[in-house]
Amino acid sequence: MSEQTKTDRVIIFDTTLRDGEQSPGISLDVGEKLEIAEQLARLGVDYIEAGFPIASQGDFEAVHAIA
C-alpha cells in the first residue's frame, strides 16, 4: 500500500456547535457544547466550528472553553 496523501482522505469540518442550535427548541449550555466538542475530537473530526462568540456571553464562554 502507498502512503496516504492529503488527496487520499476526507477532511471533516463539523458545524454542529454553531448550526445545531439553529433548530427550534435546541439550546446547549457551555458544558453540553464542551462535551460535544470533546466527542467530535475523540472521533477524529479535523475541524470543529465551535460557535459564534459575538452572539452572546454564553457563546463566548463556550468557544473560549473549547478553544
PDB file of N, CA and C in Angstrom:
ATOM      1  N   MET A   1       0.840  -1.191   0.000  1.00  0.00           N
ATOM      2  CA  MET A   1       0.000   0.000   0.000  1.00  0.00           C
ATOM      3  C   MET A   1       0.878   1.245   0.000  1.00  0.00           C
ATOM      4  N   SER A   2       0.428   2.250  -0.689  1.00  0.00           N
ATOM      5  CA  SER A   2       1.177   3.501  -0.714  1.00  0.00           C
ATOM      6  C   SER A   2       0.845   4.343   0.511  1.00  0.00           C
ATOM      7  N   GLU A   3       1.727   5.300   0.774  1.00  0.00           N
ATOM      8  CA  GLU A   3       1.471   6.197   1.905  1.00  0.00           C
ATOM      9  C   GLU A   3       0.257   7.073   1.601  1.00  0.00           C
ATOM     10  N   GLN A   4      -0.474   7.391   2.647  1.00  0.00           N
ATOM     11  CA  GLN A   4      -1.666   8.217   2.484  1.00  0.00           C
ATOM     12  C   GLN A   4      -1.253   9.661   2.224  1.00  0.00           C
ATOM     13  N   THR A   5      -1.866  10.292   1.254  1.00  0.00           N
ATOM     14  CA  THR A   5      -1.621  11.701   0.967  1.00  0.00           C
ATOM     15  C   THR A   5      -2.885  12.493   1.269  1.00  0.00           C
ATOM     16  N   LYS A   6      -2.771  13.802   1.209  1.00  0.00           N
ATOM     17  CA  LYS A   6      -3.925  14.657   1.500  1.00  0.00           C
ATOM     18  C   LYS A   6      -5.116  14.344   0.597  1.00  0.00           C
ATOM     19  N   THR A   7      -4.869  13.935  -0.613  1.00  0.00           N
ATOM     20  CA  THR A   7      -5.970  13.650  -1.534  1.00  0.00           C
ATOM     21  C   THR A   7      -6.581  12.272  -1.305  1.00  0.00           C
ATOM     22  N   ASP A   8      -5.969  11.479  -0.433  1.00  0.00           N
ATOM     23  CA  ASP A   8      -6.468  10.131  -0.171  1.00  0.00           C
ATOM     24  C   ASP A   8      -7.489  10.057   0.957  1.00  0.00           C
ATOM     25  N   ARG A   9      -7.793  11.153   1.589  1.00  0.00           N
ATOM     26  CA  ARG A   9      -8.702  11.079   2.734  1.00  0.00           C
ATOM     27  C   ARG A   9      -9.716  12.216   2.703  1.00  0.00           C
ATOM     28  N   VAL A  10     -10.813  11.994   3.388  1.00  0.00           N
ATOM     29  CA  VAL A  10     -11.860  13.001   3.527  1.00  0.00           C
ATOM     30  C   VAL A  10     -11.528  13.862   4.739  1.00  0.00           C
ATOM     31  N   ILE A  11     -11.625  15.166   4.593  1.00  0.00           N
ATOM     32  CA  ILE A  11     -11.437  16.106   5.696  1.00  0.00           C
ATOM     33  C   ILE A  11     -12.823  16.440   6.237  1.00  0.00           C
ATOM     34  N   ILE A  12     -13.003  16.292   7.541  1.00  0.00           N
ATOM     35  CA  ILE A  12     -14.308  16.545   8.161  1.00  0.00           C
ATOM     36  C   ILE A  12     -14.289  17.905   8.850  1.00  0.00           C
ATOM     37  N   PHE A  13     -15.233  18.767   8.466  1.00  0.00           N
ATOM     38  CA  PHE A  13     -15.409  20.107   9.029  1.00  0.00           C
ATOM     39  C   PHE A  13     -16.809  20.137   9.635  1.00  0.00           C
ATOM     40  N   ASP A  14     -16.882  20.119  10.960  1.00  0.00           N
ATOM     41  CA  ASP A  14     -18.168  19.988  11.648  1.00  0.00           C
ATOM     42  C   ASP A  14     -18.670  21.338  12.160  1.00  0.00           C
ATOM     43  N   THR A  15     -19.947  21.631  11.908  1.00  0.00           N
ATOM     44  CA  THR A  15     -20.557  22.886  12.364  1.00  0.00           C
ATOM     45  C   THR A  15     -21.686  22.653  13.368  1.00  0.00           C
ATOM     46  N   THR A  16     -21.699  21.491  13.995  1.00  0.00           N
ATOM     47  CA  THR A  16     -22.765  21.151  14.940  1.00  0.00           C
ATOM     48  C   THR A  16     -22.933  22.211  16.019  1.00  0.00           C
ATOM     49  N   LEU A  17     -21.842  22.687  16.585  1.00  0.00           N
ATOM     50  CA  LEU A  17     -21.930  23.622  17.710  1.00  0.00           C
ATOM     51  C   LEU A  17     -22.411  25.006  17.290  1.00  0.00           C
ATOM     52  N   ARG A  18     -22.256  25.345  16.029  1.00  0.00           N
ATOM     53  CA  ARG A  18     -22.738  26.634  15.540  1.00  0.00           C
ATOM     54  C   ARG A  18     -24.145  26.492  14.969  1.00  0.00           C
ATOM     55  N   ASP A  19     -24.317  25.559  14.059  1.00  0.00           N
ATOM     56  CA  ASP A  19     -25.598  25.420  13.361  1.00  0.00           C
ATOM     57  C   ASP A  19     -26.621  24.576  14.110  1.00  0.00           C
ATOM     58  N   GLY A  20     -26.165  23.712  14.993  1.00  0.00           N
ATOM     59  CA  GLY A  20     -27.076  22.826  15.714  1.00  0.00           C
ATOM     60  C   GLY A  20     -28.108  23.560  16.539  1.00  0.00           C
ATOM     61  N   GLU A  21     -27.728  24.700  17.095  1.00  0.00           N
ATOM     62  CA  GLU A  21     -28.667  25.470  17.918  1.00  0.00           C
ATOM     63  C   GLU A  21     -29.656  26.281  17.085  1.00  0.00           C
ATOM     64  N   GLN A  22     -29.529  26.235  15.783  1.00  0.00           N
ATOM     65  CA  GLN A  22     -30.473  26.949  14.924  1.00  0.00           C
ATOM     66  C   GLN A  22     -31.786  26.184  14.778  1.00  0.00           C
ATOM     67  N   SER A  23     -31.808  24.948  15.253  1.00  0.00           N
ATOM     68  CA  SER A  23     -33.030  24.141  15.204  1.00  0.00           C
ATOM     69  C   SER A  23     -33.985  24.577  16.311  1.00  0.00           C
ATOM     70  N   PRO A  24     -35.271  24.665  16.032  1.00  0.00           N
ATOM     71  CA  PRO A  24     -36.237  25.064  17.055  1.00  0.00           C
ATOM     72  C   PRO A  24     -36.164  24.167  18.290  1.00  0.00           C
ATOM     73  N   GLY A  25     -36.148  24.782  19.452  1.00  0.00           N
ATOM     74  CA  GLY A  25     -36.167  24.052  20.709  1.00  0.00           C
ATOM     75  C   GLY A  25     -34.816  23.554  21.190  1.00  0.00           C
ATOM     76  N   ILE A  26     -33.753  23.835  20.453  1.00  0.00           N
ATOM     77  CA  ILE A  26     -32.420  23.368  20.841  1.00  0.00           C
ATOM     78  C   ILE A  26     -31.635  24.517  21.464  1.00  0.00           C
ATOM     79  N   SER A  27     -31.161  24.293  22.669  1.00  0.00           N
ATOM     80  CA  SER A  27     -30.314  25.260  23.363  1.00  0.00           C
ATOM     81  C   SER A  27     -29.320  24.472  24.204  1.00  0.00           C
ATOM     82  N   LEU A  28     -28.042  24.638  23.921  1.00  0.00           N
ATOM     83  CA  LEU A  28     -26.995  23.908  24.625  1.00  0.00           C
ATOM     84  C   LEU A  28     -26.265  24.833  25.585  1.00  0.00           C
ATOM     85  N   ASP A  29     -25.975  24.337  26.790  1.00  0.00           N
ATOM     86  CA  ASP A  29     -25.178  25.147  27.711  1.00  0.00           C
ATOM     87  C   ASP A  29     -23.694  24.882  27.451  1.00  0.00           C
ATOM     88  N   VAL A  30     -22.832  25.606  28.150  1.00  0.00           N
ATOM     89  CA  VAL A  30     -21.389  25.506  27.938  1.00  0.00           C
ATOM     90  C   VAL A  30     -20.905  24.070  28.135  1.00  0.00           C
ATOM     91  N   GLY A  31     -21.373  23.407  29.178  1.00  0.00           N
ATOM     92  CA  GLY A  31     -20.954  22.034  29.448  1.00  0.00           C
ATOM     93  C   GLY A  31     -21.342  21.068  28.343  1.00  0.00           C
ATOM     94  N   GLU A  32     -22.543  21.232  27.814  1.00  0.00           N
ATOM     95  CA  GLU A  32     -23.001  20.361  26.725  1.00  0.00           C
ATOM     96  C   GLU A  32     -22.177  20.595  25.458  1.00  0.00           C
ATOM     97  N   LYS A  33     -21.893  21.861  25.173  1.00  0.00           N
ATOM     98  CA  LYS A  33     -21.075  22.173  23.996  1.00  0.00           C
ATOM     99  C   LYS A  33     -19.666  21.612  24.146  1.00  0.00           C
ATOM    100  N   LEU A  34     -19.105  21.720  25.337  1.00  0.00           N
ATOM    101  CA  LEU A  34     -17.770  21.185  25.589  1.00  0.00           C
ATOM    102  C   LEU A  34     -17.763  19.663  25.425  1.00  0.00           C
ATOM    103  N   GLU A  35     -18.786  18.991  25.923  1.00  0.00           N
ATOM    104  CA  GLU A  35     -18.885  17.532  25.780  1.00  0.00           C
ATOM    105  C   GLU A  35     -18.981  17.129  24.308  1.00  0.00           C
ATOM    106  N   ILE A  36     -19.784  17.844  23.538  1.00  0.00           N
ATOM    107  CA  ILE A  36     -19.898  17.549  22.104  1.00  0.00           C
ATOM    108  C   ILE A  36     -18.554  17.753  21.425  1.00  0.00           C
ATOM    109  N   ALA A  37     -17.878  18.862  21.733  1.00  0.00           N
ATOM    110  CA  ALA A  37     -16.567  19.138  21.134  1.00  0.00           C
ATOM    111  C   ALA A  37     -15.559  18.049  21.485  1.00  0.00           C
ATOM    112  N   GLU A  38     -15.557  17.602  22.731  1.00  0.00           N
ATOM    113  CA  GLU A  38     -14.631  16.538  23.145  1.00  0.00           C
ATOM    114  C   GLU A  38     -14.904  15.244  22.386  1.00  0.00           C
ATOM    115  N   GLN A  39     -16.167  14.916  22.196  1.00  0.00           N
ATOM    116  CA  GLN A  39     -16.511  13.688  21.476  1.00  0.00           C
ATOM    117  C   GLN A  39     -16.174  13.804  19.986  1.00  0.00           C
ATOM    118  N   LEU A  40     -16.397  14.981  19.400  1.00  0.00           N
ATOM    119  CA  LEU A  40     -16.018  15.184  17.999  1.00  0.00           C
ATOM    120  C   LEU A  40     -14.509  15.027  17.831  1.00  0.00           C
ATOM    121  N   ALA A  41     -13.746  15.594  18.759  1.00  0.00           N
ATOM    122  CA  ALA A  41     -12.284  15.461  18.713  1.00  0.00           C
ATOM    123  C   ALA A  41     -11.879  13.997  18.874  1.00  0.00           C
ATOM    124  N   ARG A  42     -12.525  13.298  19.790  1.00  0.00           N
ATOM    125  CA  ARG A  42     -12.226  11.879  20.009  1.00  0.00           C
ATOM    126  C   ARG A  42     -12.488  11.059  18.744  1.00  0.00           C
ATOM    127  N   LEU A  43     -13.497  11.448  17.992  1.00  0.00           N
ATOM    128  CA  LEU A  43     -13.828  10.754  16.750  1.00  0.00           C
ATOM    129  C   LEU A  43     -12.885  11.107  15.600  1.00  0.00           C
ATOM    130  N   GLY A  44     -12.017  12.087  15.818  1.00  0.00           N
ATOM    131  CA  GLY A  44     -11.049  12.455  14.792  1.00  0.00           C
ATOM    132  C   GLY A  44     -11.525  13.505  13.815  1.00  0.00           C
ATOM    133  N   VAL A  45     -12.549  14.272  14.189  1.00  0.00           N
ATOM    134  CA  VAL A  45     -13.025  15.352  13.327  1.00  0.00           C
ATOM    135  C   VAL A  45     -11.883  16.355  13.147  1.00  0.00           C
ATOM    136  N   ASP A  46     -11.618  16.727  11.903  1.00  0.00           N
ATOM    137  CA  ASP A  46     -10.482  17.592  11.599  1.00  0.00           C
ATOM    138  C   ASP A  46     -10.686  19.035  12.041  1.00  0.00           C
ATOM    139  N   TYR A  47     -11.862  19.579  11.784  1.00  0.00           N
ATOM    140  CA  TYR A  47     -12.168  20.965  12.127  1.00  0.00           C
ATOM    141  C   TYR A  47     -13.507  21.018  12.849  1.00  0.00           C
ATOM    142  N   ILE A  48     -13.528  21.712  13.984  1.00  0.00           N
ATOM    143  CA  ILE A  48     -14.758  21.882  14.752  1.00  0.00           C
ATOM    144  C   ILE A  48     -15.040  23.375  14.834  1.00  0.00           C
ATOM    145  N   GLU A  49     -16.121  23.802  14.201  1.00  0.00           N
ATOM    146  CA  GLU A  49     -16.515  25.203  14.303  1.00  0.00           C
ATOM    147  C   GLU A  49     -17.250  25.345  15.629  1.00  0.00           C
ATOM    148  N   ALA A  50     -16.606  26.005  16.582  1.00  0.00           N
ATOM    149  CA  ALA A  50     -17.061  25.999  17.972  1.00  0.00           C
ATOM    150  C   ALA A  50     -18.281  26.864  18.239  1.00  0.00           C
ATOM    151  N   GLY A  51     -18.600  27.778  17.374  1.00  0.00           N
ATOM    152  CA  GLY A  51     -19.754  28.634  17.598  1.00  0.00           C
ATOM    153  C   GLY A  51     -19.518  30.024  17.059  1.00  0.00           C
ATOM    154  N   PHE A  52     -20.327  30.952  17.526  1.00  0.00           N
ATOM    155  CA  PHE A  52     -20.268  32.342  17.084  1.00  0.00           C
ATOM    156  C   PHE A  52     -20.134  33.200  18.336  1.00  0.00           C
ATOM    157  N   PRO A  53     -18.900  33.445  18.813  1.00  0.00           N
ATOM    158  CA  PRO A  53     -18.688  34.062  20.120  1.00  0.00           C
ATOM    159  C   PRO A  53     -19.284  35.458  20.305  1.00  0.00           C
ATOM    160  N   ILE A  54     -19.510  36.175  19.242  1.00  0.00           N
ATOM    161  CA  ILE A  54     -20.072  37.526  19.363  1.00  0.00           C
ATOM    162  C   ILE A  54     -21.576  37.494  19.642  1.00  0.00           C
ATOM    163  N   ALA A  55     -22.206  36.341  19.442  1.00  0.00           N
ATOM    164  CA  ALA A  55     -23.663  36.230  19.576  1.00  0.00           C
ATOM    165  C   ALA A  55     -24.150  36.452  21.001  1.00  0.00           C
ATOM    166  N   SER A  56     -23.403  35.960  21.981  1.00  0.00           N
ATOM    167  CA  SER A  56     -23.827  36.104  23.375  1.00  0.00           C
ATOM    168  C   SER A  56     -22.658  35.789  24.299  1.00  0.00           C
ATOM    169  N   GLN A  57     -22.808  36.147  25.557  1.00  0.00           N
ATOM    170  CA  GLN A  57     -21.779  35.834  26.546  1.00  0.00           C
ATOM    171  C   GLN A  57     -21.622  34.318  26.690  1.00  0.00           C
ATOM    172  N   GLY A  58     -22.733  33.587  26.647  1.00  0.00           N
ATOM    173  CA  GLY A  58     -22.680  32.132  26.742  1.00  0.00           C
ATOM    174  C   GLY A  58     -21.912  31.510  25.583  1.00  0.00           C
ATOM    175  N   ASP A  59     -22.154  32.007  24.372  1.00  0.00           N
ATOM    176  CA  ASP A  59     -21.408  31.506  23.215  1.00  0.00           C
ATOM    177  C   ASP A  59     -19.932  31.857  23.334  1.00  0.00           C
ATOM    178  N   PHE A  60     -19.637  33.063  23.815  1.00  0.00           N
ATOM    179  CA  PHE A  60     -18.240  33.460  24.013  1.00  0.00           C
ATOM    180  C   PHE A  60     -17.553  32.503  24.978  1.00  0.00           C
ATOM    181  N   GLU A  61     -18.207  32.210  26.102  1.00  0.00           N
ATOM    182  CA  GLU A  61     -17.630  31.310  27.106  1.00  0.00           C
ATOM    183  C   GLU A  61     -17.443  29.900  26.545  1.00  0.00           C
ATOM    184  N   ALA A  62     -18.402  29.435  25.768  1.00  0.00           N
ATOM    185  CA  ALA A  62     -18.300  28.094  25.188  1.00  0.00           C
ATOM    186  C   ALA A  62     -17.148  28.010  24.195  1.00  0.00           C
ATOM    187  N   VAL A  63     -17.048  28.982  23.311  1.00  0.00           N
ATOM    188  CA  VAL A  63     -15.960  28.986  22.326  1.00  0.00           C
ATOM    189  C   VAL A  63     -14.613  29.070  23.033  1.00  0.00           C
ATOM    190  N   HIS A  64     -14.535  29.898  24.056  1.00  0.00           N
ATOM    191  CA  HIS A  64     -13.287  30.029  24.827  1.00  0.00           C
ATOM    192  C   HIS A  64     -12.921  28.698  25.487  1.00  0.00           C
ATOM    193  N   ALA A  65     -13.881  28.015  26.061  1.00  0.00           N
ATOM    194  CA  ALA A  65     -13.622  26.729  26.732  1.00  0.00           C
ATOM    195  C   ALA A  65     -13.197  25.659  25.731  1.00  0.00           C
ATOM    196  N   ILE A  66     -13.793  25.667  24.562  1.00  0.00           N
ATOM    197  CA  ILE A  66     -13.488  24.663  23.544  1.00  0.00           C
ATOM    198  C   ILE A  66     -12.125  24.905  22.916  1.00  0.00           C
ATOM    199  N   ALA A  67     -11.812  26.182  22.688  1.00  0.00           N
ATOM    200  CA  ALA A  67     -10.521  26.522  22.062  1.00  0.00           C
ATOM    201  C   ALA A  67      -9.392  26.130  22.971  1.00  0.00           C
TER     202      ALA A  67
END
